[in-house]
Amino acid sequence: MPPRRDRSTEPKSEQRGEDGGAEEAAAFIAETLLNLTSICHRNRFDTLGYLLDMARMEADGLMRTHRKSR
């Protein structure tokens, strides 16, 4: 049996079964990555922190792109 998903960390629209769209997904991902990056830097996981920070910047860029296209 697959493990249960912890729904407390999902965007509220996904908890309700709705699609919040790409911009909301990118915002959620960026926020989560920011938290993970902070943990990495505190624990001197420099390479992992760097990679997660790059992914966060990509998510931020996707948010900006979706805002401009509205």
PDB file of N, CA and C in Angstrom:
ATOM      1  N   MET A   1       0.846  -1.173   0.000  1.00  0.00           N
ATOM      2  CA  MET A   1       0.000   0.000   0.000  1.00  0.00           C
ATOM      3  C   MET A   1       0.893   1.238   0.000  1.00  0.00           C
ATOM      4  N   PRO A   2       0.593   2.236  -0.870  1.00  0.00           N
ATOM      5  CA  PRO A   2       1.422   3.451  -0.920  1.00  0.00           C
ATOM      6  C   PRO A   2       1.256   4.261   0.363  1.00  0.00           C
ATOM      7  N   PRO A   3       2.297   5.028   0.726  1.00  0.00           N
ATOM      8  CA  PRO A   3       2.192   5.836   1.943  1.00  0.00           C
ATOM      9  C   PRO A   3       1.150   6.932   1.785  1.00  0.00           C
ATOM     10  N   ARG A   4       0.554   7.313   2.896  1.00  0.00           N
ATOM     11  CA  ARG A   4      -0.434   8.391   2.890  1.00  0.00           C
ATOM     12  C   ARG A   4       0.224   9.730   2.660  1.00  0.00           C
ATOM     13  N   ARG A   5      -0.430  10.583   1.897  1.00  0.00           N
ATOM     14  CA  ARG A   5       0.089  11.928   1.650  1.00  0.00           C
ATOM     15  C   ARG A   5      -0.258  12.832   2.823  1.00  0.00           C
ATOM     16  N   ASP A   6       0.698  13.647   3.226  1.00  0.00           N
ATOM     17  CA  ASP A   6       0.453  14.651   4.258  1.00  0.00           C
ATOM     18  C   ASP A   6      -0.151  15.868   3.576  1.00  0.00           C
ATOM     19  N   ARG A   7      -1.449  16.002   3.648  1.00  0.00           N
ATOM     20  CA  ARG A   7      -2.153  17.064   2.928  1.00  0.00           C
ATOM     21  C   ARG A   7      -2.026  18.419   3.608  1.00  0.00           C
ATOM     22  N   SER A   8      -1.462  18.464   4.819  1.00  0.00           N
ATOM     23  CA  SER A   8      -1.352  19.745   5.522  1.00  0.00           C
ATOM     24  C   SER A   8      -0.367  20.688   4.845  1.00  0.00           C
ATOM     25  N   THR A   9       0.532  20.163   4.017  1.00  0.00           N
ATOM     26  CA  THR A   9       1.519  21.013   3.356  1.00  0.00           C
ATOM     27  C   THR A   9       1.106  21.399   1.940  1.00  0.00           C
ATOM     28  N   GLU A  10      -0.030  20.913   1.477  1.00  0.00           N
ATOM     29  CA  GLU A  10      -0.478  21.217   0.122  1.00  0.00           C
ATOM     30  C   GLU A  10      -1.203  22.558   0.089  1.00  0.00           C
ATOM     31  N   PRO A  11      -1.216  23.197  -1.080  1.00  0.00           N
ATOM     32  CA  PRO A  11      -1.997  24.431  -1.206  1.00  0.00           C
ATOM     33  C   PRO A  11      -3.456  24.164  -0.851  1.00  0.00           C
ATOM     34  N   LYS A  12      -4.129  25.152  -0.273  1.00  0.00           N
ATOM     35  CA  LYS A  12      -5.501  24.965   0.193  1.00  0.00           C
ATOM     36  C   LYS A  12      -6.442  24.521  -0.925  1.00  0.00           C
ATOM     37  N   SER A  13      -6.260  25.036  -2.142  1.00  0.00           N
ATOM     38  CA  SER A  13      -7.145  24.642  -3.236  1.00  0.00           C
ATOM     39  C   SER A  13      -7.007  23.165  -3.552  1.00  0.00           C
ATOM     40  N   GLU A  14      -5.798  22.621  -3.417  1.00  0.00           N
ATOM     41  CA  GLU A  14      -5.602  21.197  -3.679  1.00  0.00           C
ATOM     42  C   GLU A  14      -6.223  20.366  -2.574  1.00  0.00           C
ATOM     43  N   GLN A  15      -6.227  20.873  -1.342  1.00  0.00           N
ATOM     44  CA  GLN A  15      -6.859  20.163  -0.244  1.00  0.00           C
ATOM     45  C   GLN A  15      -8.354  20.046  -0.496  1.00  0.00           C
ATOM     46  N   ARG A  16      -8.937  21.050  -1.160  1.00  0.00           N
ATOM     47  CA  ARG A  16     -10.365  21.021  -1.469  1.00  0.00           C
ATOM     48  C   ARG A  16     -10.640  20.264  -2.768  1.00  0.00           C
ATOM     49  N   GLY A  17      -9.601  19.815  -3.448  1.00  0.00           N
ATOM     50  CA  GLY A  17      -9.789  19.097  -4.694  1.00  0.00           C
ATOM     51  C   GLY A  17      -9.894  20.001  -5.901  1.00  0.00           C
ATOM     52  N   GLU A  18      -9.558  21.276  -5.766  1.00  0.00           N
ATOM     53  CA  GLU A  18      -9.627  22.212  -6.878  1.00  0.00           C
ATOM     54  C   GLU A  18      -8.241  22.414  -7.457  1.00  0.00           C
ATOM     55  N   ASP A  19      -8.211  22.875  -8.710  1.00  0.00           N
ATOM     56  CA  ASP A  19      -6.933  23.199  -9.339  1.00  0.00           C
ATOM     57  C   ASP A  19      -6.694  24.689  -9.177  1.00  0.00           C
ATOM     58  N   GLY A  20      -5.637  25.045  -8.432  1.00  0.00           N
ATOM     59  CA  GLY A  20      -5.330  26.450  -8.200  1.00  0.00           C
ATOM     60  C   GLY A  20      -4.581  27.081  -9.347  1.00  0.00           C
ATOM     61  N   GLY A  21      -4.182  26.306 -10.312  1.00  0.00           N
ATOM     62  CA  GLY A  21      -3.481  26.840 -11.459  1.00  0.00           C
ATOM     63  C   GLY A  21      -1.978  26.843 -11.289  1.00  0.00           C
ATOM     64  N   ALA A  22      -1.319  27.129 -12.384  1.00  0.00           N
ATOM     65  CA  ALA A  22       0.142  27.070 -12.431  1.00  0.00           C
ATOM     66  C   ALA A  22       0.791  28.118 -11.538  1.00  0.00           C
ATOM     67  N   GLU A  23       0.212  29.312 -11.465  1.00  0.00           N
ATOM     68  CA  GLU A  23       0.816  30.369 -10.646  1.00  0.00           C
ATOM     69  C   GLU A  23       0.790  29.995  -9.168  1.00  0.00           C
ATOM     70  N   GLU A  24      -0.318  29.448  -8.702  1.00  0.00           N
ATOM     71  CA  GLU A  24      -0.410  29.035  -7.299  1.00  0.00           C
ATOM     72  C   GLU A  24       0.542  27.877  -7.011  1.00  0.00           C
ATOM     73  N   ALA A  25       0.651  26.951  -7.947  1.00  0.00           N
ATOM     74  CA  ALA A  25       1.578  25.828  -7.768  1.00  0.00           C
ATOM     75  C   ALA A  25       3.014  26.326  -7.688  1.00  0.00           C
ATOM     76  N   ALA A  26       3.380  27.251  -8.571  1.00  0.00           N
ATOM     77  CA  ALA A  26       4.739  27.798  -8.560  1.00  0.00           C
ATOM     78  C   ALA A  26       5.018  28.546  -7.259  1.00  0.00           C
ATOM     79  N   ALA A  27       4.021  29.271  -6.746  1.00  0.00           N
ATOM     80  CA  ALA A  27       4.191  29.999  -5.486  1.00  0.00           C
ATOM     81  C   ALA A  27       4.399  29.029  -4.331  1.00  0.00           C
ATOM     82  N   PHE A  28       3.629  27.958  -4.302  1.00  0.00           N
ATOM     83  CA  PHE A  28       3.767  26.948  -3.250  1.00  0.00           C
ATOM     84  C   PHE A  28       5.143  26.291  -3.311  1.00  0.00           C
ATOM     85  N   ILE A  29       5.576  25.950  -4.513  1.00  0.00           N
ATOM     86  CA  ILE A  29       6.888  25.323  -4.695  1.00  0.00           C
ATOM     87  C   ILE A  29       7.994  26.273  -4.264  1.00  0.00           C
ATOM     88  N   ALA A  30       7.903  27.539  -4.662  1.00  0.00           N
ATOM     89  CA  ALA A  30       8.928  28.526  -4.294  1.00  0.00           C
ATOM     90  C   ALA A  30       9.018  28.681  -2.781  1.00  0.00           C
ATOM     91  N   GLU A  31       7.870  28.747  -2.110  1.00  0.00           N
ATOM     92  CA  GLU A  31       7.863  28.894  -0.649  1.00  0.00           C
ATOM     93  C   GLU A  31       8.467  27.667   0.032  1.00  0.00           C
ATOM     94  N   THR A  32       8.105  26.489  -0.441  1.00  0.00           N
ATOM     95  CA  THR A  32       8.642  25.259   0.129  1.00  0.00           C
ATOM     96  C   THR A  32      10.146  25.173  -0.083  1.00  0.00           C
ATOM     97  N   LEU A  33      10.592  25.526  -1.280  1.00  0.00           N
ATOM     98  CA  LEU A  33      12.027  25.498  -1.569  1.00  0.00           C
ATOM     99  C   LEU A  33      12.796  26.504  -0.726  1.00  0.00           C
ATOM    100  N   LEU A  34      12.193  27.654  -0.453  1.00  0.00           N
ATOM    101  CA  LEU A  34      12.849  28.647   0.401  1.00  0.00           C
ATOM    102  C   LEU A  34      13.100  28.062   1.791  1.00  0.00           C
ATOM    103  N   ASN A  35      12.106  27.364   2.331  1.00  0.00           N
ATOM    104  CA  ASN A  35      12.269  26.729   3.641  1.00  0.00           C
ATOM    105  C   ASN A  35      13.349  25.652   3.605  1.00  0.00           C
ATOM    106  N   LEU A  36      13.344  24.825   2.583  1.00  0.00           N
ATOM    107  CA  LEU A  36      14.351  23.766   2.467  1.00  0.00           C
ATOM    108  C   LEU A  36      15.749  24.342   2.286  1.00  0.00           C
ATOM    109  N   THR A  37      15.851  25.412   1.509  1.00  0.00           N
ATOM    110  CA  THR A  37      17.151  26.058   1.299  1.00  0.00           C
ATOM    111  C   THR A  37      17.705  26.590   2.612  1.00  0.00           C
ATOM    112  N   SER A  38      16.841  27.180   3.423  1.00  0.00           N
ATOM    113  CA  SER A  38      17.281  27.690   4.729  1.00  0.00           C
ATOM    114  C   SER A  38      17.832  26.574   5.605  1.00  0.00           C
ATOM    115  N   ILE A  39      17.157  25.440   5.609  1.00  0.00           N
ATOM    116  CA  ILE A  39      17.627  24.289   6.383  1.00  0.00           C
ATOM    117  C   ILE A  39      18.995  23.841   5.879  1.00  0.00           C
ATOM    118  N   CYS A  40      19.149  23.787   4.571  1.00  0.00           N
ATOM    119  CA  CYS A  40      20.431  23.366   3.987  1.00  0.00           C
ATOM    120  C   CYS A  40      21.561  24.308   4.389  1.00  0.00           C
ATOM    121  N   HIS A  41      21.323  25.595   4.284  1.00  0.00           N
ATOM    122  CA  HIS A  41      22.381  26.556   4.608  1.00  0.00           C
ATOM    123  C   HIS A  41      22.751  26.518   6.093  1.00  0.00           C
ATOM    124  N   ARG A  42      21.748  26.345   6.962  1.00  0.00           N
ATOM    125  CA  ARG A  42      22.032  26.251   8.401  1.00  0.00           C
ATOM    126  C   ARG A  42      22.903  25.044   8.724  1.00  0.00           C
ATOM    127  N   ASN A  43      22.738  23.979   7.952  1.00  0.00           N
ATOM    128  CA  ASN A  43      23.461  22.738   8.215  1.00  0.00           C
ATOM    129  C   ASN A  43      24.664  22.538   7.303  1.00  0.00           C
ATOM    130  N   ARG A  44      25.018  23.595   6.580  1.00  0.00           N
ATOM    131  CA  ARG A  44      26.180  23.595   5.687  1.00  0.00           C
ATOM    132  C   ARG A  44      26.097  22.535   4.579  1.00  0.00           C
ATOM    133  N   PHE A  45      24.894  22.313   4.095  1.00  0.00           N
ATOM    134  CA  PHE A  45      24.699  21.467   2.911  1.00  0.00           C
ATOM    135  C   PHE A  45      24.742  22.402   1.707  1.00  0.00           C
ATOM    136  N   ASP A  46      25.937  22.922   1.443  1.00  0.00           N
ATOM    137  CA  ASP A  46      26.081  24.015   0.485  1.00  0.00           C
ATOM    138  C   ASP A  46      25.615  23.668  -0.923  1.00  0.00           C
ATOM    139  N   THR A  47      26.020  22.522  -1.430  1.00  0.00           N
ATOM    140  CA  THR A  47      25.653  22.164  -2.803  1.00  0.00           C
ATOM    141  C   THR A  47      24.155  21.940  -2.928  1.00  0.00           C
ATOM    142  N   LEU A  48      23.583  21.225  -1.980  1.00  0.00           N
ATOM    143  CA  LEU A  48      22.141  20.987  -2.014  1.00  0.00           C
ATOM    144  C   LEU A  48      21.377  22.302  -1.867  1.00  0.00           C
ATOM    145  N   GLY A  49      21.842  23.170  -0.973  1.00  0.00           N
ATOM    146  CA  GLY A  49      21.208  24.477  -0.804  1.00  0.00           C
ATOM    147  C   GLY A  49      21.267  25.297  -2.079  1.00  0.00           C
ATOM    148  N   TYR A  50      22.409  25.237  -2.760  1.00  0.00           N
ATOM    149  CA  TYR A  50      22.573  25.961  -4.021  1.00  0.00           C
ATOM    150  C   TYR A  50      21.583  25.439  -5.071  1.00  0.00           C
ATOM    151  N   LEU A  51      21.484  24.131  -5.196  1.00  0.00           N
ATOM    152  CA  LEU A  51      20.582  23.547  -6.193  1.00  0.00           C
ATOM    153  C   LEU A  51      19.123  23.876  -5.889  1.00  0.00           C
ATOM    154  N   LEU A  52      18.754  23.807  -4.620  1.00  0.00           N
ATOM    155  CA  LEU A  52      17.383  24.150  -4.248  1.00  0.00           C
ATOM    156  C   LEU A  52      17.106  25.632  -4.485  1.00  0.00           C
ATOM    157  N   ASP A  53      18.095  26.475  -4.248  1.00  0.00           N
ATOM    158  CA  ASP A  53      17.931  27.903  -4.501  1.00  0.00           C
ATOM    159  C   ASP A  53      17.742  28.171  -5.994  1.00  0.00           C
ATOM    160  N   MET A  54      18.445  27.441  -6.833  1.00  0.00           N
ATOM    161  CA  MET A  54      18.262  27.584  -8.283  1.00  0.00           C
ATOM    162  C   MET A  54      16.848  27.162  -8.681  1.00  0.00           C
ATOM    163  N   ALA A  55      16.354  26.085  -8.087  1.00  0.00           N
ATOM    164  CA  ALA A  55      14.988  25.636  -8.372  1.00  0.00           C
ATOM    165  C   ALA A  55      13.973  26.676  -7.902  1.00  0.00           C
ATOM    166  N   ARG A  56      14.227  27.312  -6.755  1.00  0.00           N
ATOM    167  CA  ARG A  56      13.336  28.356  -6.256  1.00  0.00           C
ATOM    168  C   ARG A  56      13.306  29.546  -7.214  1.00  0.00           C
ATOM    169  N   MET A  57      14.466  29.922  -7.728  1.00  0.00           N
ATOM    170  CA  MET A  57      14.512  31.032  -8.684  1.00  0.00           C
ATOM    171  C   MET A  57      13.730  30.686  -9.951  1.00  0.00           C
ATOM    172  N   GLU A  58      13.784  29.440 -10.364  1.00  0.00           N
ATOM    173  CA  GLU A  58      13.004  28.998 -11.528  1.00  0.00           C
ATOM    174  C   GLU A  58      11.505  29.111 -11.234  1.00  0.00           C
ATOM    175  N   ALA A  59      11.086  28.681 -10.054  1.00  0.00           N
ATOM    176  CA  ALA A  59       9.673  28.779  -9.675  1.00  0.00           C
ATOM    177  C   ALA A  59       9.232  30.240  -9.607  1.00  0.00           C
ATOM    178  N   ASP A  60      10.082  31.118  -9.064  1.00  0.00           N
ATOM    179  CA  ASP A  60       9.766  32.553  -9.037  1.00  0.00           C
ATOM    180  C   ASP A  60       9.598  33.099 -10.454  1.00  0.00           C
ATOM    181  N   GLY A  61      10.463  32.676 -11.360  1.00  0.00           N
ATOM    182  CA  GLY A  61      10.366  33.104 -12.752  1.00  0.00           C
ATOM    183  C   GLY A  61       9.078  32.634 -13.405  1.00  0.00           C
ATOM    184  N   LEU A  62       8.664  31.415 -13.098  1.00  0.00           N
ATOM    185  CA  LEU A  62       7.403  30.900 -13.635  1.00  0.00           C
ATOM    186  C   LEU A  62       6.216  31.703 -13.114  1.00  0.00           C
ATOM    187  N   MET A  63       6.266  32.096 -11.844  1.00  0.00           N
ATOM    188  CA  MET A  63       5.190  32.934 -11.292  1.00  0.00           C
ATOM    189  C   MET A  63       5.106  34.254 -12.047  1.00  0.00           C
ATOM    190  N   ARG A  64       6.250  34.887 -12.276  1.00  0.00           N
ATOM    191  CA  ARG A  64       6.264  36.169 -13.000  1.00  0.00           C
ATOM    192  C   ARG A  64       5.732  35.996 -14.422  1.00  0.00           C
ATOM    193  N   THR A  65       6.123  34.918 -15.077  1.00  0.00           N
ATOM    194  CA  THR A  65       5.667  34.655 -16.441  1.00  0.00           C
ATOM    195  C   THR A  65       4.154  34.508 -16.490  1.00  0.00           C
ATOM    196  N   HIS A  66       3.593  33.775 -15.538  1.00  0.00           N
ATOM    197  CA  HIS A  66       2.139  33.575 -15.530  1.00  0.00           C
ATOM    198  C   HIS A  66       1.392  34.856 -15.184  1.00  0.00           C
ATOM    199  N   ARG A  67       1.971  35.701 -14.351  1.00  0.00           N
ATOM    200  CA  ARG A  67       1.328  36.982 -14.026  1.00  0.00           C
ATOM    201  C   ARG A  67       1.287  37.895 -15.249  1.00  0.00           C
ATOM    202  N   LYS A  68       2.381  37.904 -16.024  1.00  0.00           N
ATOM    203  CA  LYS A  68       2.446  38.756 -17.217  1.00  0.00           C
ATOM    204  C   LYS A  68       1.480  38.286 -18.294  1.00  0.00           C
ATOM    205  N   SER A  69       1.219  36.979 -18.359  1.00  0.00           N
ATOM    206  CA  SER A  69       0.383  36.440 -19.429  1.00  0.00           C
ATOM    207  C   SER A  69      -1.109  36.595 -19.142  1.00  0.00           C
ATOM    208  N   ARG A  70      -1.453  37.105 -17.985  1.00  0.00           N
ATOM    209  CA  ARG A  70      -2.884  37.286 -17.672  1.00  0.00           C
ATOM    210  C   ARG A  70      -3.459  38.473 -18.361  1.00  0.00           C
TER     211      ARG A  70
END
